Amino acid sequence: MSATKQAGLRLHPGIIASVIFVSVVAIAAAVLIIRKYCFPVNEATYRYSLLRRMEDQGSTVTDEDGDRGPCTVGEESDEDLLE
């Protein structure tokens, strides 16, 4: 009788894999939702990080003399960024 009980309790590997997959997807979705709604991105912080990235990209470009020219990646002035 114990052999039939053990056979009845065995789960198919596909069921185990699907439960694990659905759990991982649910956890990932929960993390993304929590990050989006509980930790909103500050507009000033986002603009600052964007400006830093543009400056970093512009700093790698040099002219023939080795001098860095003005960064012309963005067209916004500093006054626009402070608003």
PDB file of N, CA and C in Angstrom:
ATOM      1  N   MET A   1       0.813  -1.187   0.000  1.00  0.00           N
ATOM      2  CA  MET A   1       0.000   0.000   0.000  1.00  0.00           C
ATOM      3  C   MET A   1       0.864   1.260   0.000  1.00  0.00           C
ATOM      4  N   SER A   2       2.005   1.240   0.646  1.00  0.00           N
ATOM      5  CA  SER A   2       2.863   2.427   0.677  1.00  0.00           C
ATOM      6  C   SER A   2       3.418   2.750  -0.701  1.00  0.00           C
ATOM      7  N   ALA A   3       3.572   1.753  -1.569  1.00  0.00           N
ATOM      8  CA  ALA A   3       4.058   2.004  -2.925  1.00  0.00           C
ATOM      9  C   ALA A   3       3.025   2.787  -3.726  1.00  0.00           C
ATOM     10  N   THR A   4       1.766   2.526  -3.555  1.00  0.00           N
ATOM     11  CA  THR A   4       0.729   3.267  -4.275  1.00  0.00           C
ATOM     12  C   THR A   4       0.598   4.690  -3.750  1.00  0.00           C
ATOM     13  N   LYS A   5       0.823   4.893  -2.462  1.00  0.00           N
ATOM     14  CA  LYS A   5       0.779   6.251  -1.907  1.00  0.00           C
ATOM     15  C   LYS A   5       1.926   7.083  -2.468  1.00  0.00           C
ATOM     16  N   GLN A   6       3.124   6.495  -2.544  1.00  0.00           N
ATOM     17  CA  GLN A   6       4.269   7.233  -3.078  1.00  0.00           C
ATOM     18  C   GLN A   6       4.068   7.546  -4.551  1.00  0.00           C
ATOM     19  N   ALA A   7       3.501   6.647  -5.300  1.00  0.00           N
ATOM     20  CA  ALA A   7       3.266   6.887  -6.720  1.00  0.00           C
ATOM     21  C   ALA A   7       2.235   7.997  -6.912  1.00  0.00           C
ATOM     22  N   GLY A   8       1.266   8.089  -6.037  1.00  0.00           N
ATOM     23  CA  GLY A   8       0.248   9.126  -6.144  1.00  0.00           C
ATOM     24  C   GLY A   8       0.763  10.503  -5.771  1.00  0.00           C
ATOM     25  N   LEU A   9       1.805  10.592  -4.973  1.00  0.00           N
ATOM     26  CA  LEU A   9       2.338  11.866  -4.518  1.00  0.00           C
ATOM     27  C   LEU A   9       3.402  12.435  -5.455  1.00  0.00           C
ATOM     28  N   ARG A  10       3.880  11.668  -6.413  1.00  0.00           N
ATOM     29  CA  ARG A  10       4.912  12.159  -7.326  1.00  0.00           C
ATOM     30  C   ARG A  10       4.311  13.164  -8.289  1.00  0.00           C
ATOM     31  N   LEU A  11       5.005  14.257  -8.474  1.00  0.00           N
ATOM     32  CA  LEU A  11       4.563  15.296  -9.401  1.00  0.00           C
ATOM     33  C   LEU A  11       5.338  15.166 -10.701  1.00  0.00           C
ATOM     34  N   HIS A  12       4.683  15.474 -11.766  1.00  0.00           N
ATOM     35  CA  HIS A  12       5.312  15.446 -13.075  1.00  0.00           C
ATOM     36  C   HIS A  12       6.358  16.566 -13.142  1.00  0.00           C
ATOM     37  N   PRO A  13       7.532  16.345 -13.740  1.00  0.00           N
ATOM     38  CA  PRO A  13       8.561  17.403 -13.826  1.00  0.00           C
ATOM     39  C   PRO A  13       8.070  18.660 -14.548  1.00  0.00           C
ATOM     40  N   GLY A  14       7.139  18.495 -15.488  1.00  0.00           N
ATOM     41  CA  GLY A  14       6.594  19.664 -16.176  1.00  0.00           C
ATOM     42  C   GLY A  14       5.795  20.555 -15.248  1.00  0.00           C
ATOM     43  N   ILE A  15       5.085  19.948 -14.309  1.00  0.00           N
ATOM     44  CA  ILE A  15       4.320  20.733 -13.334  1.00  0.00           C
ATOM     45  C   ILE A  15       5.263  21.511 -12.436  1.00  0.00           C
ATOM     46  N   ILE A  16       6.316  20.863 -11.998  1.00  0.00           N
ATOM     47  CA  ILE A  16       7.294  21.535 -11.128  1.00  0.00           C
ATOM     48  C   ILE A  16       7.949  22.688 -11.879  1.00  0.00           C
ATOM     49  N   ALA A  17       8.350  22.449 -13.135  1.00  0.00           N
ATOM     50  CA  ALA A  17       8.997  23.496 -13.932  1.00  0.00           C
ATOM     51  C   ALA A  17       8.045  24.667 -14.176  1.00  0.00           C
ATOM     52  N   SER A  18       6.790  24.372 -14.456  1.00  0.00           N
ATOM     53  CA  SER A  18       5.845  25.464 -14.715  1.00  0.00           C
ATOM     54  C   SER A  18       5.560  26.267 -13.453  1.00  0.00           C
ATOM     55  N   VAL A  19       5.492  25.620 -12.311  1.00  0.00           N
ATOM     56  CA  VAL A  19       5.287  26.340 -11.042  1.00  0.00           C
ATOM     57  C   VAL A  19       6.477  27.248 -10.762  1.00  0.00           C
ATOM     58  N   ILE A  20       7.671  26.752 -10.998  1.00  0.00           N
ATOM     59  CA  ILE A  20       8.877  27.570 -10.780  1.00  0.00           C
ATOM     60  C   ILE A  20       8.891  28.744 -11.752  1.00  0.00           C
ATOM     61  N   PHE A  21       8.571  28.488 -13.025  1.00  0.00           N
ATOM     62  CA  PHE A  21       8.565  29.560 -14.034  1.00  0.00           C
ATOM     63  C   PHE A  21       7.551  30.644 -13.690  1.00  0.00           C
ATOM     64  N   VAL A  22       6.348  30.242 -13.343  1.00  0.00           N
ATOM     65  CA  VAL A  22       5.302  31.216 -13.002  1.00  0.00           C
ATOM     66  C   VAL A  22       5.692  32.001 -11.749  1.00  0.00           C
ATOM     67  N   SER A  23       6.326  31.343 -10.786  1.00  0.00           N
ATOM     68  CA  SER A  23       6.760  32.038  -9.568  1.00  0.00           C
ATOM     69  C   SER A  23       7.818  33.081  -9.882  1.00  0.00           C
ATOM     70  N   VAL A  24       8.776  32.738 -10.730  1.00  0.00           N
ATOM     71  CA  VAL A  24       9.841  33.692 -11.085  1.00  0.00           C
ATOM     72  C   VAL A  24       9.250  34.881 -11.839  1.00  0.00           C
ATOM     73  N   VAL A  25       8.338  34.629 -12.765  1.00  0.00           N
ATOM     74  CA  VAL A  25       7.714  35.717 -13.519  1.00  0.00           C
ATOM     75  C   VAL A  25       6.893  36.609 -12.586  1.00  0.00           C
ATOM     76  N   ALA A  26       6.175  36.017 -11.649  1.00  0.00           N
ATOM     77  CA  ALA A  26       5.374  36.803 -10.711  1.00  0.00           C
ATOM     78  C   ALA A  26       6.267  37.670  -9.823  1.00  0.00           C
ATOM     79  N   ILE A  27       7.379  37.132  -9.364  1.00  0.00           N
ATOM     80  CA  ILE A  27       8.308  37.911  -8.535  1.00  0.00           C
ATOM     81  C   ILE A  27       8.904  39.052  -9.338  1.00  0.00           C
ATOM     82  N   ALA A  28       9.302  38.785 -10.595  1.00  0.00           N
ATOM     83  CA  ALA A  28       9.866  39.844 -11.442  1.00  0.00           C
ATOM     84  C   ALA A  28       8.836  40.942 -11.693  1.00  0.00           C
ATOM     85  N   ALA A  29       7.598  40.569 -11.960  1.00  0.00           N
ATOM     86  CA  ALA A  29       6.552  41.563 -12.182  1.00  0.00           C
ATOM     87  C   ALA A  29       6.310  42.390 -10.924  1.00  0.00           C
ATOM     88  N   ALA A  30       6.304  41.741  -9.779  1.00  0.00           N
ATOM     89  CA  ALA A  30       6.103  42.462  -8.516  1.00  0.00           C
ATOM     90  C   ALA A  30       7.233  43.460  -8.275  1.00  0.00           C
ATOM     91  N   VAL A  31       8.457  43.061  -8.548  1.00  0.00           N
ATOM     92  CA  VAL A  31       9.599  43.966  -8.354  1.00  0.00           C
ATOM     93  C   VAL A  31       9.479  45.170  -9.284  1.00  0.00           C
ATOM     94  N   LEU A  32       9.134  44.936 -10.548  1.00  0.00           N
ATOM     95  CA  LEU A  32       8.996  46.053 -11.481  1.00  0.00           C
ATOM     96  C   LEU A  32       7.861  46.992 -11.081  1.00  0.00           C
ATOM     97  N   ILE A  33       6.751  46.446 -10.637  1.00  0.00           N
ATOM     98  CA  ILE A  33       5.625  47.278 -10.219  1.00  0.00           C
ATOM     99  C   ILE A  33       5.990  48.090  -8.980  1.00  0.00           C
ATOM    100  N   ILE A  34       6.654  47.459  -8.022  1.00  0.00           N
ATOM    101  CA  ILE A  34       7.054  48.172  -6.805  1.00  0.00           C
ATOM    102  C   ILE A  34       8.043  49.280  -7.137  1.00  0.00           C
ATOM    103  N   ARG A  35       9.013  49.002  -8.008  1.00  0.00           N
ATOM    104  CA  ARG A  35       9.984  50.038  -8.383  1.00  0.00           C
ATOM    105  C   ARG A  35       9.310  51.201  -9.084  1.00  0.00           C
ATOM    106  N   LYS A  36       8.336  50.907  -9.934  1.00  0.00           N
ATOM    107  CA  LYS A  36       7.688  51.973 -10.705  1.00  0.00           C
ATOM    108  C   LYS A  36       6.807  52.852  -9.837  1.00  0.00           C
ATOM    109  N   TYR A  37       6.005  52.266  -8.961  1.00  0.00           N
ATOM    110  CA  TYR A  37       5.015  53.038  -8.220  1.00  0.00           C
ATOM    111  C   TYR A  37       5.457  53.454  -6.824  1.00  0.00           C
ATOM    112  N   CYS A  38       6.375  52.737  -6.204  1.00  0.00           N
ATOM    113  CA  CYS A  38       6.801  53.098  -4.849  1.00  0.00           C
ATOM    114  C   CYS A  38       8.063  53.950  -4.838  1.00  0.00           C
ATOM    115  N   PHE A  39       8.837  53.888  -5.902  1.00  0.00           N
ATOM    116  CA  PHE A  39      10.067  54.673  -5.995  1.00  0.00           C
ATOM    117  C   PHE A  39      10.064  55.436  -7.310  1.00  0.00           C
ATOM    118  N   PRO A  40       9.224  56.470  -7.426  1.00  0.00           N
ATOM    119  CA  PRO A  40       9.160  57.204  -8.700  1.00  0.00           C
ATOM    120  C   PRO A  40      10.477  57.930  -8.968  1.00  0.00           C
ATOM    121  N   VAL A  41      10.820  58.014 -10.238  1.00  0.00           N
ATOM    122  CA  VAL A  41      12.056  58.686 -10.630  1.00  0.00           C
ATOM    123  C   VAL A  41      11.819  60.185 -10.577  1.00  0.00           C
ATOM    124  N   ASN A  42      12.670  60.863  -9.855  1.00  0.00           N
ATOM    125  CA  ASN A  42      12.593  62.306  -9.765  1.00  0.00           C
ATOM    126  C   ASN A  42      13.000  62.885 -11.116  1.00  0.00           C
ATOM    127  N   GLU A  43      12.221  63.815 -11.644  1.00  0.00           N
ATOM    128  CA  GLU A  43      12.496  64.386 -12.964  1.00  0.00           C
ATOM    129  C   GLU A  43      13.866  65.061 -13.001  1.00  0.00           C
ATOM    130  N   ALA A  44      14.229  65.780 -11.934  1.00  0.00           N
ATOM    131  CA  ALA A  44      15.530  66.453 -11.908  1.00  0.00           C
ATOM    132  C   ALA A  44      16.662  65.430 -11.887  1.00  0.00           C
ATOM    133  N   THR A  45      16.497  64.359 -11.141  1.00  0.00           N
ATOM    134  CA  THR A  45      17.521  63.323 -11.088  1.00  0.00           C
ATOM    135  C   THR A  45      17.678  62.660 -12.447  1.00  0.00           C
ATOM    136  N   TYR A  46      16.558  62.406 -13.103  1.00  0.00           N
ATOM    137  CA  TYR A  46      16.608  61.786 -14.428  1.00  0.00           C
ATOM    138  C   TYR A  46      17.317  62.698 -15.420  1.00  0.00           C
ATOM    139  N   ARG A  47      16.989  63.978 -15.413  1.00  0.00           N
ATOM    140  CA  ARG A  47      17.609  64.921 -16.352  1.00  0.00           C
ATOM    141  C   ARG A  47      19.092  65.052 -16.063  1.00  0.00           C
ATOM    142  N   TYR A  48      19.473  65.047 -14.768  1.00  0.00           N
ATOM    143  CA  TYR A  48      20.881  65.143 -14.411  1.00  0.00           C
ATOM    144  C   TYR A  48      21.645  63.927 -14.904  1.00  0.00           C
ATOM    145  N   SER A  49      21.085  62.730 -14.716  1.00  0.00           N
ATOM    146  CA  SER A  49      21.775  61.528 -15.164  1.00  0.00           C
ATOM    147  C   SER A  49      21.877  61.503 -16.685  1.00  0.00           C
ATOM    148  N   LEU A  50      20.851  62.007 -17.372  1.00  0.00           N
ATOM    149  CA  LEU A  50      20.893  62.085 -18.826  1.00  0.00           C
ATOM    150  C   LEU A  50      21.975  63.058 -19.273  1.00  0.00           C
ATOM    151  N   LEU A  51      22.069  64.196 -18.607  1.00  0.00           N
ATOM    152  CA  LEU A  51      23.099  65.178 -18.925  1.00  0.00           C
ATOM    153  C   LEU A  51      24.491  64.609 -18.678  1.00  0.00           C
ATOM    154  N   ARG A  52      24.663  63.882 -17.568  1.00  0.00           N
ATOM    155  CA  ARG A  52      25.967  63.266 -17.279  1.00  0.00           C
ATOM    156  C   ARG A  52      26.351  62.268 -18.357  1.00  0.00           C
ATOM    157  N   ARG A  53      25.380  61.466 -18.816  1.00  0.00           N
ATOM    158  CA  ARG A  53      25.668  60.497 -19.876  1.00  0.00           C
ATOM    159  C   ARG A  53      26.083  61.199 -21.160  1.00  0.00           C
ATOM    160  N   MET A  54      25.391  62.286 -21.488  1.00  0.00           N
ATOM    161  CA  MET A  54      25.740  63.020 -22.701  1.00  0.00           C
ATOM    162  C   MET A  54      27.127  63.646 -22.571  1.00  0.00           C
ATOM    163  N   GLU A  55      27.459  64.163 -21.380  1.00  0.00           N
ATOM    164  CA  GLU A  55      28.787  64.727 -21.172  1.00  0.00           C
ATOM    165  C   GLU A  55      29.860  63.654 -21.263  1.00  0.00           C
ATOM    166  N   ASP A  56      29.584  62.485 -20.718  1.00  0.00           N
ATOM    167  CA  ASP A  56      30.558  61.390 -20.795  1.00  0.00           C
ATOM    168  C   ASP A  56      30.782  60.955 -22.239  1.00  0.00           C
ATOM    169  N   GLN A  57      29.726  60.915 -23.028  1.00  0.00           N
ATOM    170  CA  GLN A  57      29.873  60.569 -24.435  1.00  0.00           C
ATOM    171  C   GLN A  57      30.639  61.659 -25.178  1.00  0.00           C
ATOM    172  N   GLY A  58      30.381  62.908 -24.839  1.00  0.00           N
ATOM    173  CA  GLY A  58      31.049  64.023 -25.507  1.00  0.00           C
ATOM    174  C   GLY A  58      32.495  64.151 -25.101  1.00  0.00           C
ATOM    175  N   SER A  59      32.852  63.707 -23.895  1.00  0.00           N
ATOM    176  CA  SER A  59      34.230  63.844 -23.436  1.00  0.00           C
ATOM    177  C   SER A  59      35.162  62.864 -24.117  1.00  0.00           C
ATOM    178  N   THR A  60      34.633  61.818 -24.727  1.00  0.00           N
ATOM    179  CA  THR A  60      35.490  60.856 -25.409  1.00  0.00           C
ATOM    180  C   THR A  60      35.844  61.316 -26.813  1.00  0.00           C
ATOM    181  N   VAL A  61      35.133  62.330 -27.328  1.00  0.00           N
ATOM    182  CA  VAL A  61      35.396  62.842 -28.666  1.00  0.00           C
ATOM    183  C   VAL A  61      36.402  63.978 -28.562  1.00  0.00           C
ATOM    184  N   THR A  62      37.503  63.882 -29.300  1.00  0.00           N
ATOM    185  CA  THR A  62      38.516  64.944 -29.309  1.00  0.00           C
ATOM    186  C   THR A  62      38.769  65.351 -30.753  1.00  0.00           C
ATOM    187  N   ASP A  63      39.217  66.596 -30.933  1.00  0.00           N
ATOM    188  CA  ASP A  63      39.530  67.024 -32.293  1.00  0.00           C
ATOM    189  C   ASP A  63      40.982  66.682 -32.611  1.00  0.00           C
ATOM    190  N   GLU A  64      41.490  67.153 -33.754  1.00  0.00           N
ATOM    191  CA  GLU A  64      42.819  66.755 -34.207  1.00  0.00           C
ATOM    192  C   GLU A  64      43.921  67.230 -33.276  1.00  0.00           C
ATOM    193  N   ASP A  65      43.740  68.380 -32.615  1.00  0.00           N
ATOM    194  CA  ASP A  65      44.765  68.916 -31.713  1.00  0.00           C
ATOM    195  C   ASP A  65      44.754  68.227 -30.356  1.00  0.00           C
ATOM    196  N   GLY A  66      43.775  67.400 -30.103  1.00  0.00           N
ATOM    197  CA  GLY A  66      43.689  66.744 -28.813  1.00  0.00           C
ATOM    198  C   GLY A  66      42.842  67.511 -27.825  1.00  0.00           C
ATOM    199  N   ASP A  67      42.352  68.685 -28.226  1.00  0.00           N
ATOM    200  CA  ASP A  67      41.502  69.473 -27.344  1.00  0.00           C
ATOM    201  C   ASP A  67      40.067  69.021 -27.506  1.00  0.00           C
ATOM    202  N   ARG A  68      39.379  69.055 -26.411  1.00  0.00           N
ATOM    203  CA  ARG A  68      37.963  68.734 -26.479  1.00  0.00           C
ATOM    204  C   ARG A  68      37.195  69.980 -26.861  1.00  0.00           C
ATOM    205  N   GLY A  69      36.315  69.831 -27.806  1.00  0.00           N
ATOM    206  CA  GLY A  69      35.474  70.942 -28.205  1.00  0.00           C
ATOM    207  C   GLY A  69      34.253  71.012 -27.314  1.00  0.00           C
ATOM    208  N   PRO A  70      33.419  72.016 -27.554  1.00  0.00           N
ATOM    209  CA  PRO A  70      32.192  72.097 -26.758  1.00  0.00           C
ATOM    210  C   PRO A  70      31.268  70.919 -27.074  1.00  0.00           C
ATOM    211  N   CYS A  71      30.621  70.472 -26.063  1.00  0.00           N
ATOM    212  CA  CYS A  71      29.703  69.354 -26.228  1.00  0.00           C
ATOM    213  C   CYS A  71      28.432  69.862 -26.882  1.00  0.00           C
ATOM    214  N   THR A  72      28.091  69.314 -28.055  1.00  0.00           N
ATOM    215  CA  THR A  72      26.905  69.772 -28.766  1.00  0.00           C
ATOM    216  C   THR A  72      25.865  68.679 -28.846  1.00  0.00           C
ATOM    217  N   VAL A  73      25.909  67.744 -27.895  1.00  0.00           N
ATOM    218  CA  VAL A  73      24.959  66.633 -27.935  1.00  0.00           C
ATOM    219  C   VAL A  73      23.564  67.131 -27.640  1.00  0.00           C
ATOM    220  N   GLY A  74      23.419  67.984 -26.620  1.00  0.00           N
ATOM    221  CA  GLY A  74      22.100  68.494 -26.243  1.00  0.00           C
ATOM    222  C   GLY A  74      21.975  69.952 -26.627  1.00  0.00           C
ATOM    223  N   GLU A  75      20.775  70.391 -26.911  1.00  0.00           N
ATOM    224  CA  GLU A  75      20.531  71.774 -27.296  1.00  0.00           C
ATOM    225  C   GLU A  75      19.955  72.596 -26.156  1.00  0.00           C
ATOM    226  N   GLU A  76      19.794  71.999 -24.981  1.00  0.00           N
ATOM    227  CA  GLU A  76      19.163  72.704 -23.877  1.00  0.00           C
ATOM    228  C   GLU A  76      20.206  73.484 -23.087  1.00  0.00           C
ATOM    229  N   SER A  77      19.813  74.616 -22.571  1.00  0.00           N
ATOM    230  CA  SER A  77      20.723  75.406 -21.746  1.00  0.00           C
ATOM    231  C   SER A  77      20.589  74.959 -20.295  1.00  0.00           C
ATOM    232  N   ASP A  78      21.477  75.468 -19.461  1.00  0.00           N
ATOM    233  CA  ASP A  78      21.428  75.135 -18.032  1.00  0.00           C
ATOM    234  C   ASP A  78      20.156  75.680 -17.406  1.00  0.00           C
ATOM    235  N   GLU A  79      19.654  76.801 -17.900  1.00  0.00           N
ATOM    236  CA  GLU A  79      18.424  77.356 -17.350  1.00  0.00           C
ATOM    237  C   GLU A  79      17.235  76.427 -17.584  1.00  0.00           C
ATOM    238  N   ASP A  80      17.204  75.774 -18.744  1.00  0.00           N
ATOM    239  CA  ASP A  80      16.124  74.828 -19.016  1.00  0.00           C
ATOM    240  C   ASP A  80      16.192  73.630 -18.098  1.00  0.00           C
ATOM    241  N   LEU A  81      17.395  73.209 -17.718  1.00  0.00           N
ATOM    242  CA  LEU A  81      17.546  72.044 -16.862  1.00  0.00           C
ATOM    243  C   LEU A  81      17.123  72.317 -15.433  1.00  0.00           C
ATOM    244  N   LEU A  82      17.203  73.569 -14.999  1.00  0.00           N
ATOM    245  CA  LEU A  82      16.866  73.898 -13.622  1.00  0.00           C
ATOM    246  C   LEU A  82      15.364  74.045 -13.409  1.00  0.00           C
ATOM    247  N   GLU A  83      14.610  74.115 -14.460  1.00  0.00           N
ATOM    248  CA  GLU A  83      13.155  74.284 -14.304  1.00  0.00           C
ATOM    249  C   GLU A  83      12.492  73.033 -13.820  1.00  0.00           C
TER     250      GLU A  83
END
